[in-house]
Amino acid sequence: MKGDGSWSRLDGKARPEGTGKLSEQELAALRTALREADFARLPKVATGGPKIYDGFVYTFTHGGYEVAGEQGSLPPALERVASALPPFTER
């Protein structure tokens, strides 16, 4: 994801799989979600949710902070960030 809202998606072998650009409204929603997530106060690794064996593992990097968590263990603030991102799979 770039600052202008353009993004690239890679496949499991790190090959380009898709590209796009968020609309101004989508980019504003993502920026709001990132700001409200307050990365400095989040745990470095989110835990505690149910184990989803075929779920995603997310790593978010923003503002010099990196936080990670499995699907089902993300705090609501990171769920909002994930929801504001482009899809992780082709539609």
Foldseek 3Di string as FASTA:
>chain_A
DDLQQKDFAADPVRHTDDIDGDDPVLSVQLVVLVVVLPQVPDDQEFDDFDDDPPWDKDWDDDPNHIHIYTVRRDDPSVVSNVVSHDDNDDD
